[in-house]
């Protein structure tokens, strides 16, 4: 069913819904998309190829209202019946705006759904990804499930970066974990959204990133359980522009800024906020020790320098200096 793509200011618009959409399903996959229509096709092909008997739907969010290059790709899959679900346009740009639009649309459109998964538009899911993620929450009772996102470098000479913290998964064994850090491969139960409230991702992280880290940190504080599934694999396409030294340094600075803002947000008093600021500055000299230790183990300066860059990013954020990688002008197609 085609719907109008005309947008009122700051209003979401439904672009396409699949024919005979079943709104009673229990599992929804959310796909935020921004200026990557070619890779979105690969992402959606991997979703269409899932080996599962479960009924599921997708929610695709086009976050570039001016050009809407991703929406026709989503419409093709939905109108052909390859996938079931909806595609909407979220005109307010930014990482958190797009993800919030996806989750809110999924929660409202599918009131019986309990499992909400997410995959990015530069990622490809393994064929058993959905089944393994849902099985994990059913068998363990954990409300939040995470899985690895392995890099697929365009520049095959950069394979050594797989061990870099910017690209390596947080965990390497299946089982209960204290928390997960990213939403590029996750399952979240409805109860988590209901407990944490809306919007799910704090808009203060909209252009910096880290809304997912903050969301999961809040979920941990109120007692939700996390589980990691190593064989629920997603692969992320990493262009050459994201393997040069400049990008890796900026990524580390951003992680440092996110760490500061999450800790400061959790600090409830003037004294605890002052302690957070002091901690951020104190991490800079301590990172020199970590650099030496990692350099001796890894023999790669670009990996060893990561703790130093993160520490500097935290200290700069205290001073109000931080990157804005999710501003539209900073994102390449």
C-alpha atoms as a PDB file:
ATOM      1  CA  UNK A   1       0.000   0.000   0.000  1.00  0.00           C
ATOM      2  CA  UNK A   2       1.553   3.303  -1.105  1.00  0.00           C
ATOM      3  CA  UNK A   3       1.182   6.347   1.101  1.00  0.00           C
ATOM      4  CA  UNK A   4       2.064  10.001   0.656  1.00  0.00           C
ATOM      5  CA  UNK A   5       5.708  10.960   1.006  1.00  0.00           C
ATOM      6  CA  UNK A   6       4.909  14.639   1.561  1.00  0.00           C
ATOM      7  CA  UNK A   7       6.117  15.830   4.924  1.00  0.00           C
ATOM      8  CA  UNK A   8       4.900  18.437   7.324  1.00  0.00           C
ATOM      9  CA  UNK A   9       7.708  20.096   9.250  1.00  0.00           C
ATOM     10  CA  UNK A  10       9.139  17.705  11.852  1.00  0.00           C
ATOM     11  CA  UNK A  11       6.411  15.103  11.127  1.00  0.00           C
ATOM     12  CA  UNK A  12       7.132  11.474  10.327  1.00  0.00           C
ATOM     13  CA  UNK A  13       5.538  10.150   7.158  1.00  0.00           C
ATOM     14  CA  UNK A  14       4.624   6.592   6.297  1.00  0.00           C
ATOM     15  CA  UNK A  15       6.005   5.857   2.855  1.00  0.00           C
ATOM     16  CA  UNK A  16       5.096   2.217   2.285  1.00  0.00           C
ATOM     17  CA  UNK A  17       3.486  -0.701   4.053  1.00  0.00           C
ATOM     18  CA  UNK A  18       3.541  -4.249   2.784  1.00  0.00           C
ATOM     19  CA  UNK A  19       0.242  -5.714   1.557  1.00  0.00           C
ATOM     20  CA  UNK A  20      -1.895  -7.498   4.175  1.00  0.00           C
ATOM     21  CA  UNK A  21       0.410  -6.514   7.010  1.00  0.00           C
ATOM     22  CA  UNK A  22      -0.071  -8.692  10.100  1.00  0.00           C
ATOM     23  CA  UNK A  23       0.197  -6.373  13.101  1.00  0.00           C
ATOM     24  CA  UNK A  24      -0.087  -9.262  15.585  1.00  0.00           C
ATOM     25  CA  UNK A  25       3.425 -10.624  15.059  1.00  0.00           C
ATOM     26  CA  UNK A  26       5.848 -10.839  17.991  1.00  0.00           C
ATOM     27  CA  UNK A  27       9.203  -9.964  16.413  1.00  0.00           C
ATOM     28  CA  UNK A  28      10.247  -6.778  14.601  1.00  0.00           C
ATOM     29  CA  UNK A  29      13.572  -5.851  13.005  1.00  0.00           C
ATOM     30  CA  UNK A  30      14.388  -2.128  12.961  1.00  0.00           C
ATOM     31  CA  UNK A  31      16.644  -0.677  10.244  1.00  0.00           C
ATOM     32  CA  UNK A  32      17.556   3.029  10.400  1.00  0.00           C
ATOM     33  CA  UNK A  33      18.998   4.250   7.107  1.00  0.00           C
ATOM     34  CA  UNK A  34      20.821   7.373   5.967  1.00  0.00           C
ATOM     35  CA  UNK A  35      22.286   7.843   2.481  1.00  0.00           C
ATOM     36  CA  UNK A  36      23.330   4.220   1.922  1.00  0.00           C
ATOM     37  CA  UNK A  37      20.708   2.846  -0.496  1.00  0.00           C
ATOM     38  CA  UNK A  38      23.054   0.358  -2.174  1.00  0.00           C
ATOM     39  CA  UNK A  39      24.084  -1.231   1.069  1.00  0.00           C
ATOM     40  CA  UNK A  40      20.558  -1.102   2.458  1.00  0.00           C
ATOM     41  CA  UNK A  41      19.676  -3.483  -0.360  1.00  0.00           C
ATOM     42  CA  UNK A  42      22.318  -5.932   0.884  1.00  0.00           C
ATOM     43  CA  UNK A  43      21.037  -5.556   4.437  1.00  0.00           C
ATOM     44  CA  UNK A  44      17.463  -6.280   3.398  1.00  0.00           C
ATOM     45  CA  UNK A  45      18.506  -9.223   1.237  1.00  0.00           C
ATOM     46  CA  UNK A  46      20.191 -10.749   4.290  1.00  0.00           C
ATOM     47  CA  UNK A  47      16.995 -10.244   6.309  1.00  0.00           C
ATOM     48  CA  UNK A  48      14.885 -11.804   3.572  1.00  0.00           C
ATOM     49  CA  UNK A  49      17.236 -14.828   3.597  1.00  0.00           C
ATOM     50  CA  UNK A  50      16.807 -15.588   7.319  1.00  0.00           C
ATOM     51  CA  UNK A  51      16.327 -19.276   8.141  1.00  0.00           C
ATOM     52  CA  UNK A  52      13.439 -19.229  10.580  1.00  0.00           C
ATOM     53  CA  UNK A  53       9.838 -20.338  10.877  1.00  0.00           C
ATOM     54  CA  UNK A  54       9.000 -17.272  12.942  1.00  0.00           C
ATOM     55  CA  UNK A  55       6.844 -14.518  11.544  1.00  0.00           C
ATOM     56  CA  UNK A  56       8.551 -11.155  11.699  1.00  0.00           C
ATOM     57  CA  UNK A  57       8.235  -7.674  10.272  1.00  0.00           C
ATOM     58  CA  UNK A  58      10.660  -4.864   9.531  1.00  0.00           C
ATOM     59  CA  UNK A  59      10.562  -1.138  10.171  1.00  0.00           C
ATOM     60  CA  UNK A  60      12.836   0.893   7.885  1.00  0.00           C
ATOM     61  CA  UNK A  61      13.471   4.531   8.769  1.00  0.00           C
ATOM     62  CA  UNK A  62      14.641   6.864   6.023  1.00  0.00           C
ATOM     63  CA  UNK A  63      16.496   9.691   7.782  1.00  0.00           C
ATOM     64  CA  UNK A  64      17.298  11.818   4.737  1.00  0.00           C
ATOM     65  CA  UNK A  65      13.998  13.530   3.966  1.00  0.00           C
ATOM     66  CA  UNK A  66      15.565  15.779   1.330  1.00  0.00           C
ATOM     67  CA  UNK A  67      16.681  12.957  -0.973  1.00  0.00           C
ATOM     68  CA  UNK A  68      14.918   9.786   0.236  1.00  0.00           C
ATOM     69  CA  UNK A  69      17.279   7.447  -1.611  1.00  0.00           C
ATOM     70  CA  UNK A  70      16.716   4.545   0.788  1.00  0.00           C
ATOM     71  CA  UNK A  71      12.919   4.618   0.809  1.00  0.00           C
ATOM     72  CA  UNK A  72      12.526   3.224  -2.751  1.00  0.00           C
ATOM     73  CA  UNK A  73      14.759   0.280  -1.845  1.00  0.00           C
ATOM     74  CA  UNK A  74      12.625  -0.520   1.174  1.00  0.00           C
ATOM     75  CA  UNK A  75       9.441  -0.065  -0.861  1.00  0.00           C
ATOM     76  CA  UNK A  76      10.691  -2.559  -3.437  1.00  0.00           C
ATOM     77  CA  UNK A  77      11.123  -5.290  -0.825  1.00  0.00           C
ATOM     78  CA  UNK A  78       7.848  -4.502   0.934  1.00  0.00           C
ATOM     79  CA  UNK A  79       5.652  -4.163  -2.142  1.00  0.00           C
ATOM     80  CA  UNK A  80       7.048  -7.339  -3.707  1.00  0.00           C
ATOM     81  CA  UNK A  81       6.296  -9.389  -0.596  1.00  0.00           C
ATOM     82  CA  UNK A  82       9.947 -10.319  -0.017  1.00  0.00           C
ATOM     83  CA  UNK A  83       9.587  -8.756   3.418  1.00  0.00           C
ATOM     84  CA  UNK A  84       6.683  -7.536   5.509  1.00  0.00           C
ATOM     85  CA  UNK A  85       6.623  -4.289   7.402  1.00  0.00           C
ATOM     86  CA  UNK A  86       6.654  -0.535   6.976  1.00  0.00           C
ATOM     87  CA  UNK A  87       8.945   2.234   5.795  1.00  0.00           C
ATOM     88  CA  UNK A  88       8.726   5.718   7.257  1.00  0.00           C
ATOM     89  CA  UNK A  89      10.590   8.985   6.835  1.00  0.00           C
ATOM     90  CA  UNK A  90      11.968  10.719   9.928  1.00  0.00           C
ATOM     91  CA  UNK A  91      12.826  14.276   8.831  1.00  0.00           C
ATOM     92  CA  UNK A  92      14.661  15.197  12.033  1.00  0.00           C
ATOM     93  CA  UNK A  93      18.191  14.078  11.309  1.00  0.00           C
ATOM     94  CA  UNK A  94      20.530  12.381  13.699  1.00  0.00           C
ATOM     95  CA  UNK A  95      21.427   8.974  15.027  1.00  0.00           C
ATOM     96  CA  UNK A  96      19.065   9.021  17.999  1.00  0.00           C
ATOM     97  CA  UNK A  97      16.186  10.563  16.053  1.00  0.00           C
ATOM     98  CA  UNK A  98      16.314   7.774  13.466  1.00  0.00           C
ATOM     99  CA  UNK A  99      16.604   4.961  16.002  1.00  0.00           C
ATOM    100  CA  UNK A 100      13.869   6.384  18.220  1.00  0.00           C
ATOM    101  CA  UNK A 101      11.609   6.647  15.180  1.00  0.00           C
ATOM    102  CA  UNK A 102      12.260   2.987  14.364  1.00  0.00           C
ATOM    103  CA  UNK A 103      11.558   1.699  17.860  1.00  0.00           C
ATOM    104  CA  UNK A 104       8.535   3.944  18.444  1.00  0.00           C
ATOM    105  CA  UNK A 105       6.976   2.961  15.122  1.00  0.00           C
ATOM    106  CA  UNK A 106       7.596  -0.718  15.837  1.00  0.00           C
ATOM    107  CA  UNK A 107       6.131  -0.504  19.341  1.00  0.00           C
ATOM    108  CA  UNK A 108       3.004   1.301  18.145  1.00  0.00           C
ATOM    109  CA  UNK A 109       2.400  -0.583  14.893  1.00  0.00           C
ATOM    110  CA  UNK A 110       2.915  -4.044  16.364  1.00  0.00           C
ATOM    111  CA  UNK A 111       1.278  -3.956  19.822  1.00  0.00           C
ATOM    112  CA  UNK A 112       1.767  -7.705  20.396  1.00  0.00           C
ATOM    113  CA  UNK A 113       5.461  -7.648  19.530  1.00  0.00           C
ATOM    114  CA  UNK A 114       7.852  -8.488  22.372  1.00  0.00           C
ATOM    115  CA  UNK A 115      11.176  -8.774  20.525  1.00  0.00           C
ATOM    116  CA  UNK A 116      12.719  -5.739  18.835  1.00  0.00           C
ATOM    117  CA  UNK A 117      15.965  -6.319  16.956  1.00  0.00           C
ATOM    118  CA  UNK A 118      18.163  -3.785  15.233  1.00  0.00           C
ATOM    119  CA  UNK A 119      20.610  -3.902  12.366  1.00  0.00           C
ATOM    120  CA  UNK A 120      22.329  -0.963  10.673  1.00  0.00           C
ATOM    121  CA  UNK A 121      22.131  -0.209   6.957  1.00  0.00           C
ATOM    122  CA  UNK A 122      25.822  -1.001   6.434  1.00  0.00           C
ATOM    123  CA  UNK A 123      25.504  -4.479   7.937  1.00  0.00           C
ATOM    124  CA  UNK A 124      24.624  -7.965   6.695  1.00  0.00           C
ATOM    125  CA  UNK A 125      23.101 -10.597   8.968  1.00  0.00           C
ATOM    126  CA  UNK A 126      24.087 -14.257   8.943  1.00  0.00           C
ATOM    127  CA  UNK A 127      21.244 -16.575   7.943  1.00  0.00           C
ATOM    128  CA  UNK A 128      20.515 -17.819  11.475  1.00  0.00           C
ATOM    129  CA  UNK A 129      20.889 -14.434  13.145  1.00  0.00           C
ATOM    130  CA  UNK A 130      17.230 -13.810  13.919  1.00  0.00           C
ATOM    131  CA  UNK A 131      16.570 -17.342  15.149  1.00  0.00           C
ATOM    132  CA  UNK A 132      19.581 -17.374  17.464  1.00  0.00           C
ATOM    133  CA  UNK A 133      18.804 -13.976  18.947  1.00  0.00           C
ATOM    134  CA  UNK A 134      15.177 -14.834  19.702  1.00  0.00           C
ATOM    135  CA  UNK A 135      16.095 -18.282  21.011  1.00  0.00           C
ATOM    136  CA  UNK A 136      18.542 -16.647  23.409  1.00  0.00           C
ATOM    137  CA  UNK A 137      15.932 -14.417  25.017  1.00  0.00           C
ATOM    138  CA  UNK A 138      13.441 -17.289  25.192  1.00  0.00           C
ATOM    139  CA  UNK A 139      15.835 -19.739  26.821  1.00  0.00           C
ATOM    140  CA  UNK A 140      17.704 -17.381  29.164  1.00  0.00           C
ATOM    141  CA  UNK A 141      15.041 -14.856  30.073  1.00  0.00           C
ATOM    142  CA  UNK A 142      17.512 -12.029  29.437  1.00  0.00           C
ATOM    143  CA  UNK A 143      15.761  -8.878  28.310  1.00  0.00           C
ATOM    144  CA  UNK A 144      18.643  -7.625  26.156  1.00  0.00           C
ATOM    145  CA  UNK A 145      20.622  -9.815  23.760  1.00  0.00           C
ATOM    146  CA  UNK A 146      23.787  -8.789  21.951  1.00  0.00           C
ATOM    147  CA  UNK A 147      25.892 -10.383  19.270  1.00  0.00           C
ATOM    148  CA  UNK A 148      29.142  -9.687  17.429  1.00  0.00           C
ATOM    149  CA  UNK A 149      29.520  -7.251  14.561  1.00  0.00           C
ATOM    150  CA  UNK A 150      32.585  -8.334  12.621  1.00  0.00           C
ATOM    151  CA  UNK A 151      34.230  -5.837  10.253  1.00  0.00           C
ATOM    152  CA  UNK A 152      34.488  -6.567   6.547  1.00  0.00           C
ATOM    153  CA  UNK A 153      37.198  -4.170   5.385  1.00  0.00           C
ATOM    154  CA  UNK A 154      37.111  -2.842   1.843  1.00  0.00           C
ATOM    155  CA  UNK A 155      40.889  -2.542   2.136  1.00  0.00           C
ATOM    156  CA  UNK A 156      41.895  -6.147   2.736  1.00  0.00           C
ATOM    157  CA  UNK A 157      45.338  -5.016   3.892  1.00  0.00           C
ATOM    158  CA  UNK A 158      43.751  -3.631   7.066  1.00  0.00           C
ATOM    159  CA  UNK A 159      42.816  -7.022   8.506  1.00  0.00           C
ATOM    160  CA  UNK A 160      44.980  -6.421  11.577  1.00  0.00           C
ATOM    161  CA  UNK A 161      42.505  -3.765  12.688  1.00  0.00           C
ATOM    162  CA  UNK A 162      40.020  -6.500  13.572  1.00  0.00           C
ATOM    163  CA  UNK A 163      41.660  -6.508  17.009  1.00  0.00           C
ATOM    164  CA  UNK A 164      41.272  -2.752  17.430  1.00  0.00           C
ATOM    165  CA  UNK A 165      38.616  -1.851  20.034  1.00  0.00           C
ATOM    166  CA  UNK A 166      36.844   0.298  17.443  1.00  0.00           C
ATOM    167  CA  UNK A 167      36.101  -2.850  15.430  1.00  0.00           C
ATOM    168  CA  UNK A 168      36.420  -5.865  17.741  1.00  0.00           C
ATOM    169  CA  UNK A 169      33.312  -7.298  19.459  1.00  0.00           C
ATOM    170  CA  UNK A 170      33.009  -6.606  23.167  1.00  0.00           C
ATOM    171  CA  UNK A 171      32.877 -10.320  24.080  1.00  0.00           C
ATOM    172  CA  UNK A 172      34.112 -13.570  22.558  1.00  0.00           C
ATOM    173  CA  UNK A 173      32.061 -16.205  24.388  1.00  0.00           C
ATOM    174  CA  UNK A 174      28.320 -16.772  24.647  1.00  0.00           C
ATOM    175  CA  UNK A 175      26.751 -16.268  28.043  1.00  0.00           C
ATOM    176  CA  UNK A 176      25.525 -13.667  30.517  1.00  0.00           C
ATOM    177  CA  UNK A 177      27.386 -10.351  30.277  1.00  0.00           C
ATOM    178  CA  UNK A 178      27.197  -7.233  32.445  1.00  0.00           C
ATOM    179  CA  UNK A 179      26.146  -4.912  29.613  1.00  0.00           C
ATOM    180  CA  UNK A 180      26.404  -4.405  25.852  1.00  0.00           C
ATOM    181  CA  UNK A 181      27.581  -1.175  24.288  1.00  0.00           C
ATOM    182  CA  UNK A 182      26.100  -0.889  20.806  1.00  0.00           C
ATOM    183  CA  UNK A 183      22.784  -1.457  19.088  1.00  0.00           C
ATOM    184  CA  UNK A 184      24.098  -2.602  15.704  1.00  0.00           C
ATOM    185  CA  UNK A 185      23.336  -6.202  16.681  1.00  0.00           C
ATOM    186  CA  UNK A 186      20.857  -6.364  19.512  1.00  0.00           C
ATOM    187  CA  UNK A 187      17.471  -7.613  20.669  1.00  0.00           C
ATOM    188  CA  UNK A 188      15.498  -5.603  23.214  1.00  0.00           C
ATOM    189  CA  UNK A 189      12.332  -6.814  24.900  1.00  0.00           C
ATOM    190  CA  UNK A 190       9.264  -4.571  25.067  1.00  0.00           C
ATOM    191  CA  UNK A 191       9.513  -4.479  28.866  1.00  0.00           C
ATOM    192  CA  UNK A 192      12.778  -2.532  28.608  1.00  0.00           C
ATOM    193  CA  UNK A 193      11.189   0.261  26.591  1.00  0.00           C
ATOM    194  CA  UNK A 194       8.219   0.369  28.941  1.00  0.00           C
ATOM    195  CA  UNK A 195      10.476   0.683  31.987  1.00  0.00           C
ATOM    196  CA  UNK A 196      12.923   3.233  30.598  1.00  0.00           C
ATOM    197  CA  UNK A 197      10.314   5.425  28.915  1.00  0.00           C
ATOM    198  CA  UNK A 198      10.369   7.501  25.751  1.00  0.00           C
ATOM    199  CA  UNK A 199      12.314   8.617  23.911  1.00  0.00           C
ATOM    200  CA  UNK A 200      14.423   5.494  24.287  1.00  0.00           C
ATOM    201  CA  UNK A 201      17.659   7.140  23.152  1.00  0.00           C
ATOM    202  CA  UNK A 202      18.556  10.438  24.818  1.00  0.00           C
ATOM    203  CA  UNK A 203      18.647  13.168  22.170  1.00  0.00           C
ATOM    204  CA  UNK A 204      21.656  14.728  23.855  1.00  0.00           C
ATOM    205  CA  UNK A 205      23.608  11.985  22.061  1.00  0.00           C
ATOM    206  CA  UNK A 206      21.931  12.647  18.697  1.00  0.00           C
ATOM    207  CA  UNK A 207      24.954  13.921  16.764  1.00  0.00           C
ATOM    208  CA  UNK A 208      27.731  12.663  19.041  1.00  0.00           C
ATOM    209  CA  UNK A 209      26.542   9.056  19.101  1.00  0.00           C
ATOM    210  CA  UNK A 210      26.432   6.878  22.191  1.00  0.00           C
ATOM    211  CA  UNK A 211      22.684   6.949  22.700  1.00  0.00           C
ATOM    212  CA  UNK A 212      22.792   3.150  22.635  1.00  0.00           C
ATOM    213  CA  UNK A 213      25.569   2.997  25.252  1.00  0.00           C
ATOM    214  CA  UNK A 214      23.574   5.333  27.481  1.00  0.00           C
ATOM    215  CA  UNK A 215      20.362   3.332  26.962  1.00  0.00           C
ATOM    216  CA  UNK A 216      22.025   0.061  27.928  1.00  0.00           C
ATOM    217  CA  UNK A 217      23.755   1.673  30.917  1.00  0.00           C
ATOM    218  CA  UNK A 218      20.357   2.841  32.191  1.00  0.00           C
ATOM    219  CA  UNK A 219      18.897  -0.622  31.579  1.00  0.00           C
ATOM    220  CA  UNK A 220      21.698  -2.170  33.600  1.00  0.00           C
ATOM    221  CA  UNK A 221      21.156   0.219  36.501  1.00  0.00           C
ATOM    222  CA  UNK A 222      17.495  -0.785  36.839  1.00  0.00           C
ATOM    223  CA  UNK A 223      18.318  -4.493  36.776  1.00  0.00           C
ATOM    224  CA  UNK A 224      17.703  -5.772  33.257  1.00  0.00           C
ATOM    225  CA  UNK A 225      19.759  -8.806  32.234  1.00  0.00           C
ATOM    226  CA  UNK A 226      22.125  -9.048  29.273  1.00  0.00           C
ATOM    227  CA  UNK A 227      23.203 -12.106  27.283  1.00  0.00           C
ATOM    228  CA  UNK A 228      25.738 -12.469  24.464  1.00  0.00           C
ATOM    229  CA  UNK A 229      25.380 -14.862  21.508  1.00  0.00           C
ATOM    230  CA  UNK A 230      28.632 -15.312  19.611  1.00  0.00           C
ATOM    231  CA  UNK A 231      27.084 -17.195  16.702  1.00  0.00           C
ATOM    232  CA  UNK A 232      24.408 -14.546  15.999  1.00  0.00           C
ATOM    233  CA  UNK A 233      26.829 -12.886  13.609  1.00  0.00           C
ATOM    234  CA  UNK A 234      26.477  -9.642  11.709  1.00  0.00           C
ATOM    235  CA  UNK A 235      29.136  -8.327   9.339  1.00  0.00           C
ATOM    236  CA  UNK A 236      29.716  -4.609   8.858  1.00  0.00           C
ATOM    237  CA  UNK A 237      31.120  -3.147   5.663  1.00  0.00           C
ATOM    238  CA  UNK A 238      34.013  -0.851   6.583  1.00  0.00           C
ATOM    239  CA  UNK A 239      35.098   1.484   3.765  1.00  0.00           C
ATOM    240  CA  UNK A 240      38.701   2.569   3.410  1.00  0.00           C
ATOM    241  CA  UNK A 241      37.809   6.001   4.762  1.00  0.00           C
ATOM    242  CA  UNK A 242      37.141   4.382   8.145  1.00  0.00           C
ATOM    243  CA  UNK A 243      40.483   2.629   8.413  1.00  0.00           C
ATOM    244  CA  UNK A 244      42.793   5.622   8.095  1.00  0.00           C
ATOM    245  CA  UNK A 245      44.513   6.994  11.168  1.00  0.00           C
ATOM    246  CA  UNK A 246      42.482  10.195  11.261  1.00  0.00           C
ATOM    247  CA  UNK A 247      39.142   8.382  11.399  1.00  0.00           C
ATOM    248  CA  UNK A 248      40.394   5.953  14.062  1.00  0.00           C
ATOM    249  CA  UNK A 249      41.609   8.850  16.217  1.00  0.00           C
ATOM    250  CA  UNK A 250      38.294  10.678  15.827  1.00  0.00           C
ATOM    251  CA  UNK A 251      36.458   7.485  16.772  1.00  0.00           C
ATOM    252  CA  UNK A 252      38.527   7.210  19.951  1.00  0.00           C
ATOM    253  CA  UNK A 253      37.883  10.852  20.831  1.00  0.00           C
ATOM    254  CA  UNK A 254      34.164  10.265  20.334  1.00  0.00           C
ATOM    255  CA  UNK A 255      34.194   7.193  22.594  1.00  0.00           C
ATOM    256  CA  UNK A 256      35.918   9.259  25.262  1.00  0.00           C
ATOM    257  CA  UNK A 257      33.326  12.019  24.979  1.00  0.00           C
ATOM    258  CA  UNK A 258      30.500   9.483  25.221  1.00  0.00           C
ATOM    259  CA  UNK A 259      32.043   7.903  28.324  1.00  0.00           C
ATOM    260  CA  UNK A 260      32.220  11.309  30.000  1.00  0.00           C
ATOM    261  CA  UNK A 261      28.638  12.258  29.201  1.00  0.00           C
ATOM    262  CA  UNK A 262      27.246   8.927  30.396  1.00  0.00           C
ATOM    263  CA  UNK A 263      29.086   9.154  33.712  1.00  0.00           C
ATOM    264  CA  UNK A 264      28.198  12.812  34.185  1.00  0.00           C
ATOM    265  CA  UNK A 265      24.546  12.099  33.444  1.00  0.00           C
ATOM    266  CA  UNK A 266      24.506   9.424  36.163  1.00  0.00           C
ATOM    267  CA  UNK A 267      26.134  11.758  38.707  1.00  0.00           C
ATOM    268  CA  UNK A 268      23.371  13.191  40.881  1.00  0.00           C
ATOM    269  CA  UNK A 269      25.203  15.793  42.985  1.00  0.00           C
ATOM    270  CA  UNK A 270      27.613  18.650  42.429  1.00  0.00           C
ATOM    271  CA  UNK A 271      30.336  16.680  44.227  1.00  0.00           C
ATOM    272  CA  UNK A 272      29.811  13.519  42.190  1.00  0.00           C
ATOM    273  CA  UNK A 273      29.921  15.549  38.981  1.00  0.00           C
ATOM    274  CA  UNK A 274      33.162  17.150  40.139  1.00  0.00           C
ATOM    275  CA  UNK A 275      34.542  13.670  40.842  1.00  0.00           C
ATOM    276  CA  UNK A 276      33.642  12.579  37.313  1.00  0.00           C
ATOM    277  CA  UNK A 277      35.474  15.573  35.857  1.00  0.00           C
ATOM    278  CA  UNK A 278      38.542  14.843  37.975  1.00  0.00           C
ATOM    279  CA  UNK A 279      38.445  11.204  36.908  1.00  0.00           C
ATOM    280  CA  UNK A 280      38.396  12.168  33.227  1.00  0.00           C
ATOM    281  CA  UNK A 281      41.521  14.283  33.596  1.00  0.00           C
ATOM    282  CA  UNK A 282      43.168  11.590  35.707  1.00  0.00           C
ATOM    283  CA  UNK A 283      42.678   9.002  32.974  1.00  0.00           C
ATOM    284  CA  UNK A 284      45.088  10.839  30.669  1.00  0.00           C
ATOM    285  CA  UNK A 285      48.332  10.015  32.538  1.00  0.00           C
ATOM    286  CA  UNK A 286      47.061   6.525  33.403  1.00  0.00           C
ATOM    287  CA  UNK A 287      46.490   5.869  29.692  1.00  0.00           C
ATOM    288  CA  UNK A 288      50.250   6.125  29.123  1.00  0.00           C
ATOM    289  CA  UNK A 289      50.713   2.988  31.209  1.00  0.00           C
ATOM    290  CA  UNK A 290      47.997   1.217  29.232  1.00  0.00           C
ATOM    291  CA  UNK A 291      49.618   2.310  25.964  1.00  0.00           C
ATOM    292  CA  UNK A 292      52.914   0.720  26.991  1.00  0.00           C
ATOM    293  CA  UNK A 293      51.286  -2.515  28.109  1.00  0.00           C
ATOM    294  CA  UNK A 294      49.206  -2.908  24.941  1.00  0.00           C
ATOM    295  CA  UNK A 295      52.108  -1.942  22.672  1.00  0.00           C
ATOM    296  CA  UNK A 296      54.221  -4.743  24.131  1.00  0.00           C
ATOM    297  CA  UNK A 297      51.407  -7.225  23.533  1.00  0.00           C
ATOM    298  CA  UNK A 298      50.020  -6.138  20.162  1.00  0.00           C
ATOM    299  CA  UNK A 299      53.067  -4.561  18.477  1.00  0.00           C
ATOM    300  CA  UNK A 300      50.703  -2.157  16.711  1.00  0.00           C
ATOM    301  CA  UNK A 301      50.827   1.492  17.727  1.00  0.00           C
ATOM    302  CA  UNK A 302      47.393   2.228  16.270  1.00  0.00           C
ATOM    303  CA  UNK A 303      45.848  -0.313  18.670  1.00  0.00           C
ATOM    304  CA  UNK A 304      48.019   0.630  21.642  1.00  0.00           C
ATOM    305  CA  UNK A 305      47.197   4.329  21.343  1.00  0.00           C
ATOM    306  CA  UNK A 306      43.441   3.759  21.663  1.00  0.00           C
ATOM    307  CA  UNK A 307      43.230   4.158  25.483  1.00  0.00           C
ATOM    308  CA  UNK A 308      45.217   7.390  25.225  1.00  0.00           C
ATOM    309  CA  UNK A 309      42.934   8.805  22.547  1.00  0.00           C
ATOM    310  CA  UNK A 310      39.825   7.822  24.514  1.00  0.00           C
ATOM    311  CA  UNK A 311      41.226   9.469  27.650  1.00  0.00           C
ATOM    312  CA  UNK A 312      42.011  12.655  25.738  1.00  0.00           C
ATOM    313  CA  UNK A 313      38.493  12.584  24.271  1.00  0.00           C
ATOM    314  CA  UNK A 314      37.003  12.410  27.760  1.00  0.00           C
ATOM    315  CA  UNK A 315      39.142  15.304  28.974  1.00  0.00           C
ATOM    316  CA  UNK A 316      38.265  17.424  25.941  1.00  0.00           C
ATOM    317  CA  UNK A 317      34.574  16.723  26.485  1.00  0.00           C
ATOM    318  CA  UNK A 318      34.870  18.114  30.014  1.00  0.00           C
ATOM    319  CA  UNK A 319      36.081  21.320  28.342  1.00  0.00           C
ATOM    320  CA  UNK A 320      33.187  21.277  25.887  1.00  0.00           C
ATOM    321  CA  UNK A 321      35.196  20.084  22.889  1.00  0.00           C
ATOM    322  CA  UNK A 322      33.764  17.017  21.159  1.00  0.00           C
ATOM    323  CA  UNK A 323      33.077  15.609  17.677  1.00  0.00           C
ATOM    324  CA  UNK A 324      29.652  15.534  16.023  1.00  0.00           C
ATOM    325  CA  UNK A 325      29.983  12.589  13.602  1.00  0.00           C
ATOM    326  CA  UNK A 326      26.238  12.096  13.102  1.00  0.00           C
ATOM    327  CA  UNK A 327      25.594  15.602  11.828  1.00  0.00           C
ATOM    328  CA  UNK A 328      24.523  15.219   8.199  1.00  0.00           C
ATOM    329  CA  UNK A 329      27.477  17.232   6.901  1.00  0.00           C
ATOM    330  CA  UNK A 330      29.877  14.723   8.496  1.00  0.00           C
ATOM    331  CA  UNK A 331      28.357  11.569   6.997  1.00  0.00           C
ATOM    332  CA  UNK A 332      29.534  10.218   3.675  1.00  0.00           C
ATOM    333  CA  UNK A 333      27.255   8.132   1.512  1.00  0.00           C
END
